[in-house]
N, C-alpha and C. Protein backbone atom coordinates (compact mmCIF):
# COMPACT_ATOMS: atom_id res chain seq x y z
N MET A 1 103.66 84.66 84.50
CA MET A 1 103.29 83.82 85.60
C MET A 1 104.53 83.37 86.38
N VAL A 2 105.54 82.93 85.66
CA VAL A 2 106.76 82.48 86.33
C VAL A 2 107.40 83.63 87.11
N ALA A 3 107.38 84.82 86.54
CA ALA A 3 107.94 85.98 87.24
C ALA A 3 107.20 86.25 88.54
N LEU A 4 105.89 86.08 88.53
CA LEU A 4 105.10 86.28 89.75
C LEU A 4 105.46 85.22 90.79
N ILE A 5 105.54 83.97 90.37
CA ILE A 5 105.87 82.89 91.30
C ILE A 5 107.25 83.09 91.89
N GLU A 6 108.23 83.41 91.05
CA GLU A 6 109.59 83.60 91.54
C GLU A 6 109.69 84.79 92.49
N ALA A 7 108.98 85.87 92.17
CA ALA A 7 108.99 87.03 93.07
C ALA A 7 108.38 86.67 94.41
N ALA A 8 107.29 85.92 94.38
CA ALA A 8 106.58 85.57 95.61
C ALA A 8 107.38 84.62 96.49
N LYS A 9 108.38 83.96 95.95
CA LYS A 9 109.23 83.08 96.76
C LYS A 9 110.20 83.87 97.64
N GLN A 10 110.36 85.15 97.36
CA GLN A 10 111.23 86.00 98.18
C GLN A 10 110.54 86.26 99.52
N PRO A 11 111.25 86.10 100.63
CA PRO A 11 110.62 86.25 101.95
C PRO A 11 109.93 87.60 102.17
N SER A 12 110.44 88.64 101.55
CA SER A 12 109.86 89.98 101.77
C SER A 12 108.66 90.27 100.86
N PHE A 13 108.36 89.38 99.93
CA PHE A 13 107.25 89.66 99.00
C PHE A 13 105.92 89.56 99.75
N PRO A 14 105.02 90.52 99.56
CA PRO A 14 103.80 90.59 100.37
C PRO A 14 102.63 89.73 99.88
N ALA A 15 102.88 88.79 98.97
CA ALA A 15 101.81 87.92 98.48
C ALA A 15 102.39 86.52 98.28
N GLU A 16 101.49 85.55 98.31
CA GLU A 16 101.87 84.17 98.07
C GLU A 16 101.08 83.67 96.87
N ILE A 17 101.74 82.98 95.97
CA ILE A 17 101.05 82.37 94.83
C ILE A 17 100.64 80.97 95.29
N VAL A 18 99.33 80.75 95.42
CA VAL A 18 98.85 79.48 95.96
C VAL A 18 98.32 78.54 94.90
N LEU A 19 98.09 79.05 93.69
CA LEU A 19 97.40 78.23 92.70
C LEU A 19 97.58 78.82 91.31
N VAL A 20 97.73 77.96 90.32
CA VAL A 20 97.68 78.35 88.92
C VAL A 20 96.57 77.54 88.27
N ILE A 21 95.65 78.24 87.63
CA ILE A 21 94.54 77.60 86.92
C ILE A 21 94.72 77.84 85.43
N SER A 22 94.47 76.80 84.66
CA SER A 22 94.47 76.93 83.20
C SER A 22 93.24 76.24 82.65
N ASN A 23 92.79 76.72 81.50
CA ASN A 23 91.68 76.06 80.82
C ASN A 23 92.20 75.05 79.81
N SER A 24 93.51 74.90 79.72
CA SER A 24 94.13 73.99 78.76
C SER A 24 95.13 73.09 79.47
N ALA A 25 94.89 71.78 79.40
CA ALA A 25 95.76 70.83 80.09
C ALA A 25 97.18 70.84 79.57
N ASP A 26 97.39 71.27 78.32
CA ASP A 26 98.73 71.28 77.77
C ASP A 26 99.42 72.64 77.85
N ALA A 27 98.88 73.53 78.64
CA ALA A 27 99.51 74.85 78.83
C ALA A 27 100.87 74.66 79.50
N GLY A 28 101.89 75.24 78.89
CA GLY A 28 103.24 75.12 79.42
C GLY A 28 103.38 75.68 80.82
N GLY A 29 102.57 76.64 81.16
CA GLY A 29 102.64 77.25 82.48
C GLY A 29 102.31 76.29 83.61
N LEU A 30 101.49 75.30 83.33
CA LEU A 30 101.14 74.33 84.38
C LEU A 30 102.36 73.55 84.83
N GLU A 31 103.14 73.08 83.89
CA GLU A 31 104.34 72.32 84.23
C GLU A 31 105.36 73.22 84.93
N ARG A 32 105.49 74.44 84.45
CA ARG A 32 106.44 75.37 85.06
C ARG A 32 106.03 75.71 86.49
N ALA A 33 104.73 75.95 86.71
CA ALA A 33 104.24 76.26 88.06
C ALA A 33 104.46 75.07 88.99
N SER A 34 104.12 73.89 88.51
CA SER A 34 104.28 72.69 89.33
C SER A 34 105.75 72.49 89.70
N ALA A 35 106.65 72.70 88.75
CA ALA A 35 108.08 72.56 89.02
C ALA A 35 108.55 73.57 90.06
N LEU A 36 107.85 74.70 90.16
CA LEU A 36 108.20 75.72 91.15
C LEU A 36 107.44 75.53 92.47
N GLY A 37 106.72 74.42 92.58
CA GLY A 37 106.05 74.08 93.84
C GLY A 37 104.67 74.69 94.03
N VAL A 38 104.05 75.14 92.95
CA VAL A 38 102.72 75.74 93.05
C VAL A 38 101.67 74.75 92.57
N LYS A 39 100.62 74.63 93.32
CA LYS A 39 99.50 73.75 92.95
C LYS A 39 98.89 74.23 91.64
N THR A 40 98.53 73.26 90.78
CA THR A 40 97.90 73.60 89.51
C THR A 40 96.57 72.87 89.36
N VAL A 41 95.66 73.52 88.67
CA VAL A 41 94.35 72.94 88.38
C VAL A 41 94.01 73.28 86.93
N THR A 42 93.50 72.28 86.22
CA THR A 42 93.02 72.51 84.86
C THR A 42 91.50 72.46 84.89
N ILE A 43 90.90 73.48 84.31
CA ILE A 43 89.43 73.55 84.18
C ILE A 43 89.15 73.79 82.70
N PRO A 44 88.97 72.70 81.93
CA PRO A 44 88.77 72.86 80.49
C PRO A 44 87.40 73.48 80.17
N HIS A 45 87.43 74.64 79.52
CA HIS A 45 86.18 75.35 79.27
C HIS A 45 85.23 74.57 78.37
N GLY A 46 85.75 73.71 77.52
CA GLY A 46 84.91 72.99 76.57
C GLY A 46 83.97 71.97 77.17
N VAL A 47 84.19 71.59 78.43
CA VAL A 47 83.31 70.59 79.03
C VAL A 47 82.09 71.22 79.70
N PHE A 48 82.04 72.54 79.71
CA PHE A 48 80.93 73.24 80.33
C PHE A 48 79.98 73.75 79.26
N PRO A 49 78.67 73.62 79.50
CA PRO A 49 77.71 74.07 78.49
C PRO A 49 77.63 75.58 78.31
N SER A 50 78.19 76.35 79.26
CA SER A 50 78.12 77.81 79.14
C SER A 50 79.34 78.44 79.78
N ARG A 51 79.61 79.68 79.39
CA ARG A 51 80.70 80.44 80.02
C ARG A 51 80.43 80.61 81.50
N GLU A 52 79.18 80.85 81.85
CA GLU A 52 78.84 81.07 83.26
C GLU A 52 79.16 79.85 84.11
N GLU A 53 78.89 78.65 83.58
CA GLU A 53 79.20 77.44 84.35
C GLU A 53 80.70 77.21 84.45
N PHE A 54 81.42 77.50 83.38
CA PHE A 54 82.88 77.42 83.40
C PHE A 54 83.44 78.37 84.47
N GLU A 55 82.96 79.60 84.45
CA GLU A 55 83.45 80.59 85.41
C GLU A 55 83.01 80.28 86.83
N ALA A 56 81.84 79.66 86.99
CA ALA A 56 81.40 79.25 88.33
C ALA A 56 82.37 78.23 88.91
N LYS A 57 82.87 77.35 88.07
CA LYS A 57 83.85 76.36 88.53
C LYS A 57 85.16 77.05 88.90
N ILE A 58 85.59 78.00 88.10
CA ILE A 58 86.80 78.75 88.44
C ILE A 58 86.62 79.45 89.78
N ASP A 59 85.49 80.11 89.95
CA ASP A 59 85.21 80.82 91.19
C ASP A 59 85.22 79.85 92.38
N GLN A 60 84.63 78.69 92.21
CA GLN A 60 84.60 77.68 93.28
C GLN A 60 86.01 77.27 93.67
N VAL A 61 86.85 76.98 92.68
CA VAL A 61 88.22 76.56 92.97
C VAL A 61 89.02 77.68 93.64
N LEU A 62 88.87 78.90 93.15
CA LEU A 62 89.57 80.03 93.76
C LEU A 62 89.19 80.17 95.23
N ARG A 63 87.92 80.01 95.52
CA ARG A 63 87.46 80.14 96.91
C ARG A 63 87.91 78.96 97.77
N GLU A 64 87.97 77.77 97.18
CA GLU A 64 88.47 76.61 97.92
C GLU A 64 89.91 76.82 98.38
N PHE A 65 90.68 77.54 97.59
CA PHE A 65 92.08 77.80 97.91
C PHE A 65 92.27 79.12 98.65
N ASP A 66 91.18 79.75 99.07
CA ASP A 66 91.23 81.01 99.81
C ASP A 66 92.01 82.10 99.06
N VAL A 67 91.84 82.15 97.76
CA VAL A 67 92.51 83.15 96.94
C VAL A 67 91.92 84.52 97.25
N GLU A 68 92.79 85.50 97.38
CA GLU A 68 92.36 86.87 97.64
C GLU A 68 92.50 87.76 96.41
N LEU A 69 93.51 87.50 95.60
CA LEU A 69 93.76 88.26 94.37
C LEU A 69 93.94 87.28 93.23
N VAL A 70 93.44 87.64 92.06
CA VAL A 70 93.60 86.82 90.86
C VAL A 70 94.43 87.62 89.87
N CYS A 71 95.53 87.02 89.42
CA CYS A 71 96.40 87.66 88.43
C CYS A 71 96.28 86.87 87.12
N LEU A 72 95.71 87.50 86.12
CA LEU A 72 95.61 86.88 84.82
C LEU A 72 96.95 87.04 84.10
N ALA A 73 97.43 85.94 83.56
CA ALA A 73 98.71 85.96 82.83
C ALA A 73 98.61 84.91 81.73
N GLY A 74 98.34 85.35 80.53
CA GLY A 74 98.20 84.42 79.43
C GLY A 74 96.86 83.71 79.39
N PHE A 75 95.91 84.19 80.15
CA PHE A 75 94.56 83.61 80.15
C PHE A 75 93.77 84.34 79.07
N MET A 76 93.65 83.71 77.92
CA MET A 76 93.13 84.39 76.74
C MET A 76 91.63 84.18 76.55
N ARG A 77 90.89 84.30 77.62
CA ARG A 77 89.44 84.21 77.54
C ARG A 77 88.87 85.47 78.20
N VAL A 78 87.85 86.03 77.58
CA VAL A 78 87.20 87.21 78.14
C VAL A 78 86.24 86.74 79.22
N LEU A 79 86.37 87.32 80.40
CA LEU A 79 85.52 86.97 81.53
C LEU A 79 84.21 87.74 81.47
N THR A 80 83.14 87.10 81.95
CA THR A 80 81.83 87.76 81.95
C THR A 80 81.76 88.80 83.07
N ALA A 81 80.85 89.73 82.89
CA ALA A 81 80.65 90.76 83.91
C ALA A 81 80.26 90.14 85.24
N SER A 82 79.47 89.07 85.22
CA SER A 82 79.04 88.46 86.48
C SER A 82 80.22 87.86 87.25
N PHE A 83 81.19 87.29 86.55
CA PHE A 83 82.38 86.78 87.23
C PHE A 83 83.20 87.94 87.78
N ILE A 84 83.41 88.96 86.96
CA ILE A 84 84.22 90.11 87.36
C ILE A 84 83.62 90.78 88.59
N GLU A 85 82.31 90.85 88.65
CA GLU A 85 81.63 91.48 89.80
C GLU A 85 81.85 90.72 91.10
N LYS A 86 82.17 89.43 91.02
CA LYS A 86 82.45 88.64 92.23
C LYS A 86 83.84 88.93 92.79
N TRP A 87 84.70 89.58 91.99
CA TRP A 87 86.08 89.83 92.39
C TRP A 87 86.43 91.31 92.23
N PRO A 88 85.61 92.20 92.76
CA PRO A 88 85.87 93.64 92.53
C PRO A 88 87.19 94.09 93.16
N GLY A 89 88.02 94.73 92.34
CA GLY A 89 89.30 95.23 92.84
C GLY A 89 90.28 94.13 93.19
N ARG A 90 89.99 92.90 92.78
CA ARG A 90 90.87 91.78 93.11
C ARG A 90 91.25 90.94 91.89
N LEU A 91 90.94 91.47 90.71
CA LEU A 91 91.31 90.83 89.44
C LEU A 91 92.31 91.72 88.72
N LEU A 92 93.51 91.23 88.50
CA LEU A 92 94.55 91.99 87.81
C LEU A 92 94.86 91.32 86.47
N ASN A 93 95.25 92.13 85.52
CA ASN A 93 95.66 91.62 84.21
C ASN A 93 96.86 92.41 83.73
N ILE A 94 97.67 91.76 82.90
CA ILE A 94 98.74 92.48 82.22
C ILE A 94 98.42 92.47 80.74
N HIS A 95 98.54 93.65 80.14
CA HIS A 95 98.19 93.81 78.73
C HIS A 95 99.40 94.37 77.99
N PRO A 96 99.70 93.84 76.80
CA PRO A 96 100.89 94.27 76.06
C PRO A 96 100.68 95.55 75.25
N SER A 97 100.31 96.62 75.91
CA SER A 97 100.30 97.95 75.31
C SER A 97 100.22 98.97 76.44
N LEU A 98 100.39 100.20 76.08
CA LEU A 98 100.23 101.29 77.04
C LEU A 98 98.77 101.74 76.98
N LEU A 99 97.95 101.06 77.77
CA LEU A 99 96.53 101.40 77.77
C LEU A 99 96.36 102.86 78.16
N PRO A 100 95.38 103.55 77.64
CA PRO A 100 94.21 103.03 76.93
C PRO A 100 94.44 102.79 75.44
N GLU A 101 95.67 102.95 74.95
CA GLU A 101 95.94 102.69 73.54
C GLU A 101 96.02 101.19 73.27
N LEU A 102 95.62 100.79 72.10
CA LEU A 102 95.79 99.43 71.59
C LEU A 102 95.16 98.36 72.49
N LYS A 103 93.91 98.53 72.80
CA LYS A 103 93.18 97.48 73.52
C LYS A 103 93.03 96.28 72.60
N GLY A 104 92.83 95.12 73.19
CA GLY A 104 92.58 93.92 72.39
C GLY A 104 93.85 93.20 71.97
N LEU A 105 93.75 92.51 70.83
CA LEU A 105 94.80 91.61 70.37
C LEU A 105 95.76 92.28 69.38
N HIS A 106 96.84 91.58 69.08
CA HIS A 106 97.82 91.97 68.05
C HIS A 106 98.40 93.36 68.28
N THR A 107 98.70 93.65 69.52
CA THR A 107 99.15 95.00 69.87
C THR A 107 100.50 95.35 69.26
N HIS A 108 101.41 94.40 69.18
CA HIS A 108 102.74 94.70 68.66
C HIS A 108 102.67 95.03 67.16
N GLU A 109 101.92 94.23 66.43
CA GLU A 109 101.74 94.49 65.00
C GLU A 109 101.09 95.86 64.78
N ARG A 110 100.10 96.16 65.60
CA ARG A 110 99.39 97.43 65.46
C ARG A 110 100.28 98.61 65.81
N ALA A 111 101.10 98.47 66.85
CA ALA A 111 102.01 99.56 67.23
C ALA A 111 102.97 99.87 66.07
N ILE A 112 103.48 98.83 65.43
CA ILE A 112 104.40 99.03 64.31
C ILE A 112 103.66 99.63 63.11
N SER A 113 102.51 99.10 62.79
CA SER A 113 101.79 99.60 61.61
C SER A 113 101.30 101.04 61.81
N GLN A 114 101.04 101.42 63.05
CA GLN A 114 100.62 102.80 63.33
C GLN A 114 101.81 103.74 63.53
N ARG A 115 103.01 103.19 63.38
CA ARG A 115 104.24 103.97 63.53
C ARG A 115 104.34 104.66 64.89
N ALA A 116 103.96 103.92 65.91
CA ALA A 116 104.06 104.44 67.28
C ALA A 116 105.53 104.64 67.63
N ASN A 117 105.79 105.63 68.45
CA ASN A 117 107.16 105.86 68.93
C ASN A 117 107.47 105.03 70.17
N ILE A 118 106.43 104.83 70.99
CA ILE A 118 106.60 104.02 72.20
C ILE A 118 105.49 103.00 72.27
N HIS A 119 105.78 101.95 72.97
CA HIS A 119 104.85 100.84 73.18
C HIS A 119 105.16 100.36 74.59
N GLY A 120 104.55 99.33 75.05
CA GLY A 120 104.88 98.84 76.38
C GLY A 120 103.83 97.90 76.91
N CYS A 121 103.67 97.94 78.22
CA CYS A 121 102.72 97.05 78.88
C CYS A 121 102.06 97.78 80.04
N THR A 122 100.90 97.26 80.40
CA THR A 122 100.09 97.86 81.46
C THR A 122 99.54 96.78 82.36
N VAL A 123 99.70 96.95 83.66
CA VAL A 123 98.98 96.12 84.63
C VAL A 123 97.77 96.95 85.05
N HIS A 124 96.60 96.32 84.98
CA HIS A 124 95.37 97.05 85.29
C HIS A 124 94.38 96.14 86.00
N TYR A 125 93.43 96.77 86.68
CA TYR A 125 92.32 96.02 87.27
C TYR A 125 91.39 95.61 86.15
N VAL A 126 90.82 94.44 86.26
CA VAL A 126 89.88 93.95 85.26
C VAL A 126 88.48 94.46 85.60
N VAL A 127 87.86 95.04 84.59
CA VAL A 127 86.46 95.47 84.67
C VAL A 127 85.73 94.84 83.48
N SER A 128 84.42 95.01 83.45
CA SER A 128 83.66 94.32 82.40
C SER A 128 83.98 94.81 81.00
N GLU A 129 84.43 96.05 80.84
CA GLU A 129 84.84 96.51 79.51
C GLU A 129 86.28 96.06 79.28
N LEU A 130 86.53 95.43 78.14
CA LEU A 130 87.83 94.85 77.84
C LEU A 130 88.96 95.88 77.90
N ASP A 131 89.99 95.56 78.69
CA ASP A 131 91.21 96.37 78.79
C ASP A 131 90.94 97.82 79.16
N ALA A 132 89.92 98.03 80.00
CA ALA A 132 89.52 99.40 80.34
C ALA A 132 89.58 99.69 81.84
N GLY A 133 90.08 98.75 82.63
CA GLY A 133 90.10 98.96 84.07
C GLY A 133 91.15 99.96 84.50
N PRO A 134 91.03 100.43 85.73
CA PRO A 134 92.01 101.38 86.26
C PRO A 134 93.44 100.83 86.16
N ILE A 135 94.33 101.71 85.74
CA ILE A 135 95.72 101.33 85.54
C ILE A 135 96.45 101.30 86.88
N ILE A 136 97.21 100.23 87.09
CA ILE A 136 98.01 100.07 88.30
C ILE A 136 99.45 100.50 88.02
N ALA A 137 99.99 100.05 86.89
CA ALA A 137 101.38 100.38 86.55
C ALA A 137 101.60 100.18 85.05
N GLN A 138 102.58 100.92 84.52
CA GLN A 138 102.93 100.79 83.11
C GLN A 138 104.45 100.84 82.95
N ALA A 139 104.92 100.25 81.86
CA ALA A 139 106.32 100.34 81.48
C ALA A 139 106.39 100.52 79.97
N ALA A 140 107.25 101.41 79.53
CA ALA A 140 107.35 101.74 78.10
C ALA A 140 108.65 101.23 77.50
N VAL A 141 108.58 100.95 76.21
CA VAL A 141 109.76 100.61 75.41
C VAL A 141 109.67 101.40 74.11
N PRO A 142 110.80 101.72 73.51
CA PRO A 142 110.74 102.41 72.22
C PRO A 142 110.33 101.44 71.11
N VAL A 143 109.67 101.96 70.09
CA VAL A 143 109.42 101.20 68.88
C VAL A 143 110.51 101.63 67.90
N LEU A 144 111.34 100.69 67.49
CA LEU A 144 112.49 100.99 66.63
C LEU A 144 112.11 100.90 65.16
N ASP A 145 112.81 101.62 64.33
CA ASP A 145 112.50 101.66 62.90
C ASP A 145 112.50 100.28 62.25
N ASP A 146 113.39 99.41 62.69
CA ASP A 146 113.49 98.08 62.08
C ASP A 146 112.79 96.99 62.89
N ASP A 147 111.90 97.38 63.78
CA ASP A 147 111.22 96.39 64.62
C ASP A 147 110.34 95.45 63.80
N THR A 148 110.32 94.22 64.26
CA THR A 148 109.32 93.26 63.82
C THR A 148 108.41 93.04 65.03
N PRO A 149 107.24 92.49 64.83
CA PRO A 149 106.38 92.20 65.99
C PRO A 149 107.08 91.33 67.03
N ASP A 150 107.87 90.36 66.58
CA ASP A 150 108.55 89.47 67.54
C ASP A 150 109.61 90.20 68.35
N ARG A 151 110.39 91.06 67.70
CA ARG A 151 111.42 91.81 68.44
C ARG A 151 110.79 92.78 69.43
N LEU A 152 109.74 93.45 68.98
CA LEU A 152 109.04 94.37 69.88
C LEU A 152 108.42 93.61 71.04
N ALA A 153 107.79 92.48 70.75
CA ALA A 153 107.18 91.66 71.80
C ALA A 153 108.21 91.21 72.83
N ALA A 154 109.42 90.89 72.37
CA ALA A 154 110.47 90.44 73.30
C ALA A 154 110.86 91.57 74.25
N ARG A 155 110.96 92.79 73.74
CA ARG A 155 111.29 93.92 74.62
C ARG A 155 110.16 94.23 75.59
N VAL A 156 108.93 94.10 75.11
CA VAL A 156 107.78 94.32 76.00
C VAL A 156 107.76 93.24 77.08
N LEU A 157 108.02 92.00 76.71
CA LEU A 157 108.02 90.90 77.69
C LEU A 157 109.06 91.15 78.79
N GLU A 158 110.22 91.68 78.43
CA GLU A 158 111.23 92.01 79.45
C GLU A 158 110.64 92.96 80.50
N GLN A 159 109.83 93.89 80.07
CA GLN A 159 109.20 94.83 80.99
C GLN A 159 108.06 94.18 81.77
N GLU A 160 107.31 93.30 81.10
CA GLU A 160 106.21 92.62 81.78
C GLU A 160 106.69 91.83 82.98
N VAL A 161 107.79 91.08 82.82
CA VAL A 161 108.27 90.24 83.92
C VAL A 161 108.83 91.07 85.07
N ARG A 162 109.18 92.31 84.80
CA ARG A 162 109.63 93.22 85.86
C ARG A 162 108.43 93.92 86.50
N LEU A 163 107.49 94.35 85.66
CA LEU A 163 106.38 95.18 86.11
C LEU A 163 105.31 94.42 86.89
N TYR A 164 104.92 93.24 86.41
CA TYR A 164 103.78 92.54 87.03
C TYR A 164 104.06 92.19 88.50
N PRO A 165 105.21 91.63 88.84
CA PRO A 165 105.46 91.36 90.26
C PRO A 165 105.42 92.62 91.14
N LYS A 166 105.99 93.71 90.62
CA LYS A 166 105.95 94.97 91.39
C LYS A 166 104.51 95.44 91.58
N ALA A 167 103.71 95.38 90.54
CA ALA A 167 102.31 95.80 90.64
C ALA A 167 101.54 94.91 91.61
N LEU A 168 101.77 93.60 91.54
CA LEU A 168 101.11 92.68 92.47
C LEU A 168 101.50 93.01 93.90
N ALA A 169 102.77 93.26 94.14
CA ALA A 169 103.22 93.61 95.49
C ALA A 169 102.52 94.87 95.99
N ASP A 170 102.44 95.88 95.14
CA ASP A 170 101.79 97.13 95.53
C ASP A 170 100.32 96.90 95.87
N VAL A 171 99.62 96.13 95.05
CA VAL A 171 98.19 95.87 95.31
C VAL A 171 98.03 95.04 96.58
N ALA A 172 98.88 94.05 96.77
CA ALA A 172 98.80 93.21 97.97
C ALA A 172 98.98 94.03 99.24
N VAL A 173 99.94 94.95 99.21
CA VAL A 173 100.16 95.82 100.37
C VAL A 173 98.94 96.69 100.62
N GLN A 174 98.38 97.26 99.56
CA GLN A 174 97.17 98.09 99.71
C GLN A 174 96.02 97.29 100.30
N LEU A 175 95.82 96.07 99.84
CA LEU A 175 94.73 95.24 100.37
C LEU A 175 94.96 94.89 101.83
N ALA A 176 96.21 94.62 102.19
CA ALA A 176 96.52 94.28 103.58
C ALA A 176 96.27 95.43 104.52
N GLN A 177 96.37 96.66 104.01
CA GLN A 177 96.17 97.85 104.84
C GLN A 177 94.70 98.19 105.03
N LYS A 178 93.84 97.55 104.28
CA LYS A 178 92.40 97.85 104.40
C LYS A 178 91.78 97.16 105.58
């Protein structure tokens, strides 16, 4: 998230970060976004009787801020198909693996246990099937013989902060040309 905000502060960047939403009031990203001058909103999922009502509130806030693209970054909740359908081709996510391999959680541990040679990250469009949307961009890192999940995760994160802003810029330019 911080990488996206910092990239968007560059005059030549083709997108503006107008809002950061979290479902957790104590999310560290809220303070970081606010310190970088970005409006923040907390929408705690636990106060809503259903996922649909929680997502309806998110959708309402996004529209109030005239959001055109949504970039998920550390948002660890699976979105419903009905929410995703409201944002076709405008929901992006970054996933810590080279999709279509290692969908879901614990990707670094799984890459090591499966003795993968390479690992990495993927920016993709969000579709109703988890981690299955069209791939926008990927970056690879080697899996080293002495890797731990934390060391591998750190190398993947270095690529994530480089890749996500570039992917967002590419998508923003494509949308502007439509």
